[in-house]
Amino acid sequence: MKYTLIAVSDSDAMWNDRMDAWWNNGGGLLWNQHGGFGTDSLVLNNDQVDAFLEKAKLIEGWNAVPGSPEWGEMVNPVIVQQHTEADPVSDDNSGETRSAPPGSCCSSCGRPVHEALHTVWECGMIAVPRTEMNHVLNSLQEAIEFCQGTGPNNFKTWEAALSEFVAALAGSASGR
């Protein structure tokens, strides 16, 4: 069975300070670990939902406030409901439901799947050592600064970081 998880928007009438605290004290990281980066909804299987809820309940702000009758018993920062194929699941924040073209990352960017991800694309999450992740994220930030004219051109460093990251992905794929 699959479940749809929907992040309560901070513009929603039921939003409150405890929900905000949940997102800021680890809930956002948990959401991203389950594939929610940049989205307001997720579709997860039983095991994934169980793992999500187990950790979510440990973060302050889950079971944020007793809900009013129209919201149910408790109001949480993430609504969990049984998934049906008719559920509109958005892959961006516009609320518009679109599907990604075959072989592309998502409908938001439309870019092709990077060749390093071909062998692990079907995985919900991919383990990459934090050092390689940090190198590639810092390189991306430096490249952005360079493009904005506020940083040096460290393309050799960026290229090396990407190569290390791709090698770590290959190691992750072979270890599954």
C-alpha atoms as a PDB file:
ATOM      1  CA  MET A   1       0.000   0.000   0.000  1.00  0.00           C
ATOM      2  CA  LYS A   2       1.166   3.527  -0.717  1.00  0.00           C
ATOM      3  CA  TYR A   3       0.586   6.716   1.223  1.00  0.00           C
ATOM      4  CA  THR A   4       0.587  10.366   0.222  1.00  0.00           C
ATOM      5  CA  LEU A   5       2.309  12.725   2.647  1.00  0.00           C
ATOM      6  CA  ILE A   6       1.361  16.379   2.278  1.00  0.00           C
ATOM      7  CA  ALA A   7       3.335  19.177   3.928  1.00  0.00           C
ATOM      8  CA  VAL A   8       1.040  21.671   5.625  1.00  0.00           C
ATOM      9  CA  SER A   9       1.703  25.080   4.090  1.00  0.00           C
ATOM     10  CA  ASP A  10       2.705  27.951   6.339  1.00  0.00           C
ATOM     11  CA  SER A  11      -0.161  29.895   4.751  1.00  0.00           C
ATOM     12  CA  ASP A  12      -2.704  27.252   5.843  1.00  0.00           C
ATOM     13  CA  ALA A  13      -5.166  28.224   8.585  1.00  0.00           C
ATOM     14  CA  MET A  14      -3.993  25.343  10.788  1.00  0.00           C
ATOM     15  CA  TRP A  15      -0.294  26.420  10.653  1.00  0.00           C
ATOM     16  CA  ASN A  16       1.152  27.243  14.074  1.00  0.00           C
ATOM     17  CA  ASP A  17       4.449  27.892  15.856  1.00  0.00           C
ATOM     18  CA  ARG A  18       4.873  24.241  16.893  1.00  0.00           C
ATOM     19  CA  MET A  19       4.647  23.129  13.254  1.00  0.00           C
ATOM     20  CA  ASP A  20       7.229  25.740  12.366  1.00  0.00           C
ATOM     21  CA  ALA A  21       9.473  24.398  15.150  1.00  0.00           C
ATOM     22  CA  TRP A  22       9.060  20.834  13.822  1.00  0.00           C
ATOM     23  CA  TRP A  23      10.216  21.851  10.341  1.00  0.00           C
ATOM     24  CA  ASN A  24      13.149  23.884  11.700  1.00  0.00           C
ATOM     25  CA  ASN A  25      14.328  21.301  14.262  1.00  0.00           C
ATOM     26  CA  GLY A  26      14.786  18.348  11.955  1.00  0.00           C
ATOM     27  CA  GLY A  27      11.454  17.873  10.195  1.00  0.00           C
ATOM     28  CA  GLY A  28      12.672  19.588   7.041  1.00  0.00           C
ATOM     29  CA  LEU A  29      15.751  17.380   6.943  1.00  0.00           C
ATOM     30  CA  LEU A  30      13.614  14.283   7.487  1.00  0.00           C
ATOM     31  CA  TRP A  31      11.279  15.393   4.677  1.00  0.00           C
ATOM     32  CA  ASN A  32      14.249  15.854   2.340  1.00  0.00           C
ATOM     33  CA  GLN A  33      15.739  12.472   3.300  1.00  0.00           C
ATOM     34  CA  HIS A  34      12.561  10.835   2.055  1.00  0.00           C
ATOM     35  CA  GLY A  35      12.717  12.620  -1.306  1.00  0.00           C
ATOM     36  CA  GLY A  36      10.694  15.723  -0.505  1.00  0.00           C
ATOM     37  CA  PHE A  37      13.271  18.378  -1.385  1.00  0.00           C
ATOM     38  CA  GLY A  38      11.416  21.121  -3.268  1.00  0.00           C
ATOM     39  CA  THR A  39       8.026  19.405  -3.133  1.00  0.00           C
ATOM     40  CA  ASP A  40       4.963  19.722  -0.962  1.00  0.00           C
ATOM     41  CA  SER A  41       3.941  16.061  -1.229  1.00  0.00           C
ATOM     42  CA  LEU A  42       5.467  12.595  -1.280  1.00  0.00           C
ATOM     43  CA  VAL A  43       4.231   9.131  -2.154  1.00  0.00           C
ATOM     44  CA  LEU A  44       5.793   6.452   0.058  1.00  0.00           C
ATOM     45  CA  ASN A  45       5.249   2.744   0.631  1.00  0.00           C
ATOM     46  CA  ASN A  46       4.380   1.189   4.033  1.00  0.00           C
ATOM     47  CA  ASP A  47       7.967   0.729   5.192  1.00  0.00           C
ATOM     48  CA  GLN A  48       8.978   4.221   4.139  1.00  0.00           C
ATOM     49  CA  VAL A  49       5.976   5.791   5.904  1.00  0.00           C
ATOM     50  CA  ASP A  50       6.690   3.786   9.056  1.00  0.00           C
ATOM     51  CA  ALA A  51      10.323   4.958   9.033  1.00  0.00           C
ATOM     52  CA  PHE A  52       9.233   8.563   8.406  1.00  0.00           C
ATOM     53  CA  LEU A  53       6.634   8.555  11.196  1.00  0.00           C
ATOM     54  CA  GLU A  54       8.959   6.859  13.666  1.00  0.00           C
ATOM     55  CA  LYS A  55      11.442   9.717  13.307  1.00  0.00           C
ATOM     56  CA  ALA A  56       8.829  12.462  12.837  1.00  0.00           C
ATOM     57  CA  LYS A  57       7.239  11.715  16.206  1.00  0.00           C
ATOM     58  CA  LEU A  58      10.574  12.251  17.956  1.00  0.00           C
ATOM     59  CA  ILE A  59      10.875  15.847  16.706  1.00  0.00           C
ATOM     60  CA  GLU A  60       9.285  18.520  18.856  1.00  0.00           C
ATOM     61  CA  GLY A  61       6.186  19.905  17.184  1.00  0.00           C
ATOM     62  CA  TRP A  62       4.723  16.638  15.911  1.00  0.00           C
ATOM     63  CA  ASN A  63       1.197  16.366  17.321  1.00  0.00           C
ATOM     64  CA  ALA A  64       1.382  20.140  17.267  1.00  0.00           C
ATOM     65  CA  VAL A  65      -2.020  21.014  18.711  1.00  0.00           C
ATOM     66  CA  PRO A  66      -5.277  19.265  19.383  1.00  0.00           C
ATOM     67  CA  GLY A  67      -7.209  19.837  16.195  1.00  0.00           C
ATOM     68  CA  SER A  68     -10.633  21.301  15.697  1.00  0.00           C
ATOM     69  CA  PRO A  69     -13.414  18.948  14.556  1.00  0.00           C
ATOM     70  CA  GLU A  70     -12.880  19.782  10.884  1.00  0.00           C
ATOM     71  CA  TRP A  71      -9.149  18.932  11.090  1.00  0.00           C
ATOM     72  CA  GLY A  72      -9.400  15.695  13.058  1.00  0.00           C
ATOM     73  CA  GLU A  73      -7.912  14.781  16.417  1.00  0.00           C
ATOM     74  CA  MET A  74      -4.384  16.144  16.066  1.00  0.00           C
ATOM     75  CA  VAL A  75      -2.845  18.661  13.719  1.00  0.00           C
ATOM     76  CA  ASN A  76       0.592  17.676  12.439  1.00  0.00           C
ATOM     77  CA  PRO A  77       3.029  19.448  10.099  1.00  0.00           C
ATOM     78  CA  VAL A  78       2.571  16.606   7.576  1.00  0.00           C
ATOM     79  CA  ILE A  79      -0.747  15.024   6.640  1.00  0.00           C
ATOM     80  CA  VAL A  80      -0.570  11.285   5.927  1.00  0.00           C
ATOM     81  CA  GLN A  81      -3.323   9.712   3.869  1.00  0.00           C
ATOM     82  CA  GLN A  82      -3.822   6.573   1.828  1.00  0.00           C
ATOM     83  CA  HIS A  83      -2.630   7.108  -1.742  1.00  0.00           C
ATOM     84  CA  THR A  84      -4.895   6.541  -4.680  1.00  0.00           C
ATOM     85  CA  GLU A  85      -3.853   6.911  -8.291  1.00  0.00           C
ATOM     86  CA  ALA A  86      -6.301   9.800  -8.561  1.00  0.00           C
ATOM     87  CA  ASP A  87      -4.415  11.802  -5.908  1.00  0.00           C
ATOM     88  CA  PRO A  88      -2.961  14.901  -7.511  1.00  0.00           C
ATOM     89  CA  VAL A  89       0.689  14.864  -6.500  1.00  0.00           C
ATOM     90  CA  SER A  90       2.600  17.977  -7.458  1.00  0.00           C
ATOM     91  CA  ASP A  91       6.325  17.804  -8.173  1.00  0.00           C
ATOM     92  CA  ASP A  92       6.797  21.495  -7.581  1.00  0.00           C
ATOM     93  CA  ASN A  93       5.305  24.260  -5.458  1.00  0.00           C
ATOM     94  CA  SER A  94       2.939  25.601  -8.132  1.00  0.00           C
ATOM     95  CA  GLY A  95       0.251  23.042  -7.237  1.00  0.00           C
ATOM     96  CA  GLU A  96       0.146  22.003 -10.881  1.00  0.00           C
ATOM     97  CA  THR A  97       0.394  18.270 -11.511  1.00  0.00           C
ATOM     98  CA  ARG A  98       2.727  17.332 -14.347  1.00  0.00           C
ATOM     99  CA  SER A  99       4.702  14.280 -15.210  1.00  0.00           C
ATOM    100  CA  ALA A 100       8.339  14.336 -16.198  1.00  0.00           C
ATOM    101  CA  PRO A 101       9.200  13.430 -19.761  1.00  0.00           C
ATOM    102  CA  PRO A 102      10.845   9.994 -20.049  1.00  0.00           C
ATOM    103  CA  GLY A 103      14.545  10.113 -19.199  1.00  0.00           C
ATOM    104  CA  SER A 104      14.321  13.495 -17.515  1.00  0.00           C
ATOM    105  CA  CYS A 105      14.854  14.423 -13.886  1.00  0.00           C
ATOM    106  CA  CYS A 106      11.524  16.140 -13.183  1.00  0.00           C
ATOM    107  CA  SER A 107       9.001  18.387 -14.862  1.00  0.00           C
ATOM    108  CA  SER A 108      10.377  21.434 -13.029  1.00  0.00           C
ATOM    109  CA  CYS A 109      13.871  21.345 -14.537  1.00  0.00           C
ATOM    110  CA  GLY A 110      13.369  19.128 -17.591  1.00  0.00           C
ATOM    111  CA  ARG A 111      17.057  18.219 -17.537  1.00  0.00           C
ATOM    112  CA  PRO A 112      18.142  14.704 -18.447  1.00  0.00           C
ATOM    113  CA  VAL A 113      19.073  12.251 -15.718  1.00  0.00           C
ATOM    114  CA  HIS A 114      22.830  12.562 -15.186  1.00  0.00           C
ATOM    115  CA  GLU A 115      24.644   9.477 -16.466  1.00  0.00           C
ATOM    116  CA  ALA A 116      26.069   8.838 -12.983  1.00  0.00           C
ATOM    117  CA  LEU A 117      22.528   8.306 -11.702  1.00  0.00           C
ATOM    118  CA  HIS A 118      21.317   5.874 -14.365  1.00  0.00           C
ATOM    119  CA  THR A 119      22.083   2.787 -12.276  1.00  0.00           C
ATOM    120  CA  VAL A 120      20.451   4.173  -9.102  1.00  0.00           C
ATOM    121  CA  TRP A 121      17.642   6.319 -10.539  1.00  0.00           C
ATOM    122  CA  GLU A 122      14.879   4.018  -9.255  1.00  0.00           C
ATOM    123  CA  CYS A 123      16.133   4.263  -5.655  1.00  0.00           C
ATOM    124  CA  GLY A 124      14.277   6.678  -3.418  1.00  0.00           C
ATOM    125  CA  MET A 125      17.450   7.664  -1.621  1.00  0.00           C
ATOM    126  CA  ILE A 126      21.121   7.277  -2.458  1.00  0.00           C
ATOM    127  CA  ALA A 127      23.888   7.159   0.131  1.00  0.00           C
ATOM    128  CA  VAL A 128      26.887   9.347  -0.665  1.00  0.00           C
ATOM    129  CA  PRO A 129      29.683  10.035   1.829  1.00  0.00           C
ATOM    130  CA  ARG A 130      29.270  13.443   3.406  1.00  0.00           C
ATOM    131  CA  THR A 131      32.749  14.623   2.373  1.00  0.00           C
ATOM    132  CA  GLU A 132      31.982  14.159  -1.334  1.00  0.00           C
ATOM    133  CA  MET A 133      28.543  15.726  -0.824  1.00  0.00           C
ATOM    134  CA  ASN A 134      30.114  18.709   0.935  1.00  0.00           C
ATOM    135  CA  HIS A 135      32.715  19.125  -1.827  1.00  0.00           C
ATOM    136  CA  VAL A 136      30.120  19.131  -4.589  1.00  0.00           C
ATOM    137  CA  LEU A 137      27.791  21.508  -2.684  1.00  0.00           C
ATOM    138  CA  ASN A 138      30.633  23.930  -1.946  1.00  0.00           C
ATOM    139  CA  SER A 139      31.703  23.732  -5.589  1.00  0.00           C
ATOM    140  CA  LEU A 140      28.184  24.512  -6.719  1.00  0.00           C
ATOM    141  CA  GLN A 141      28.057  27.515  -4.394  1.00  0.00           C
ATOM    142  CA  GLU A 142      31.446  28.729  -5.684  1.00  0.00           C
ATOM    143  CA  ALA A 143      30.303  28.299  -9.297  1.00  0.00           C
ATOM    144  CA  ILE A 144      27.194  30.367  -8.564  1.00  0.00           C
ATOM    145  CA  GLU A 145      29.329  33.085  -6.982  1.00  0.00           C
ATOM    146  CA  PHE A 146      31.657  33.023 -10.006  1.00  0.00           C
ATOM    147  CA  CYS A 147      28.686  33.409 -12.361  1.00  0.00           C
ATOM    148  CA  GLN A 148      27.499  36.366 -10.286  1.00  0.00           C
ATOM    149  CA  GLY A 149      30.947  37.935 -10.565  1.00  0.00           C
ATOM    150  CA  THR A 150      31.676  37.673  -6.840  1.00  0.00           C
ATOM    151  CA  GLY A 151      34.038  34.701  -6.749  1.00  0.00           C
ATOM    152  CA  PRO A 152      37.026  33.159  -8.513  1.00  0.00           C
ATOM    153  CA  ASN A 153      36.866  30.611 -11.294  1.00  0.00           C
ATOM    154  CA  ASN A 154      37.819  27.363  -9.523  1.00  0.00           C
ATOM    155  CA  PHE A 155      36.677  25.106 -12.333  1.00  0.00           C
ATOM    156  CA  LYS A 156      39.443  22.534 -11.704  1.00  0.00           C
ATOM    157  CA  THR A 157      38.286  22.180  -8.078  1.00  0.00           C
ATOM    158  CA  TRP A 158      34.642  21.962  -9.179  1.00  0.00           C
ATOM    159  CA  GLU A 159      35.510  19.352 -11.792  1.00  0.00           C
ATOM    160  CA  ALA A 160      37.413  17.284  -9.194  1.00  0.00           C
ATOM    161  CA  ALA A 161      34.517  17.519  -6.720  1.00  0.00           C
ATOM    162  CA  LEU A 162      32.072  16.320  -9.372  1.00  0.00           C
ATOM    163  CA  SER A 163      34.378  13.424 -10.293  1.00  0.00           C
ATOM    164  CA  GLU A 164      34.674  12.395  -6.611  1.00  0.00           C
ATOM    165  CA  PHE A 165      30.893  12.610  -6.227  1.00  0.00           C
ATOM    166  CA  VAL A 166      30.275  10.477  -9.340  1.00  0.00           C
ATOM    167  CA  ALA A 167      32.799   7.901  -8.078  1.00  0.00           C
ATOM    168  CA  ALA A 168      30.998   7.814  -4.711  1.00  0.00           C
ATOM    169  CA  LEU A 169      27.696   7.240  -6.529  1.00  0.00           C
ATOM    170  CA  ALA A 170      29.233   4.370  -8.457  1.00  0.00           C
ATOM    171  CA  GLY A 171      30.391   2.886  -5.157  1.00  0.00           C
ATOM    172  CA  SER A 172      26.906   3.342  -3.734  1.00  0.00           C
ATOM    173  CA  ALA A 173      25.341   1.593  -6.728  1.00  0.00           C
ATOM    174  CA  SER A 174      27.690  -1.380  -6.486  1.00  0.00           C
ATOM    175  CA  GLY A 175      27.040  -1.728  -2.758  1.00  0.00           C
ATOM    176  CA  ARG A 176      23.265  -2.012  -2.923  1.00  0.00           C
END
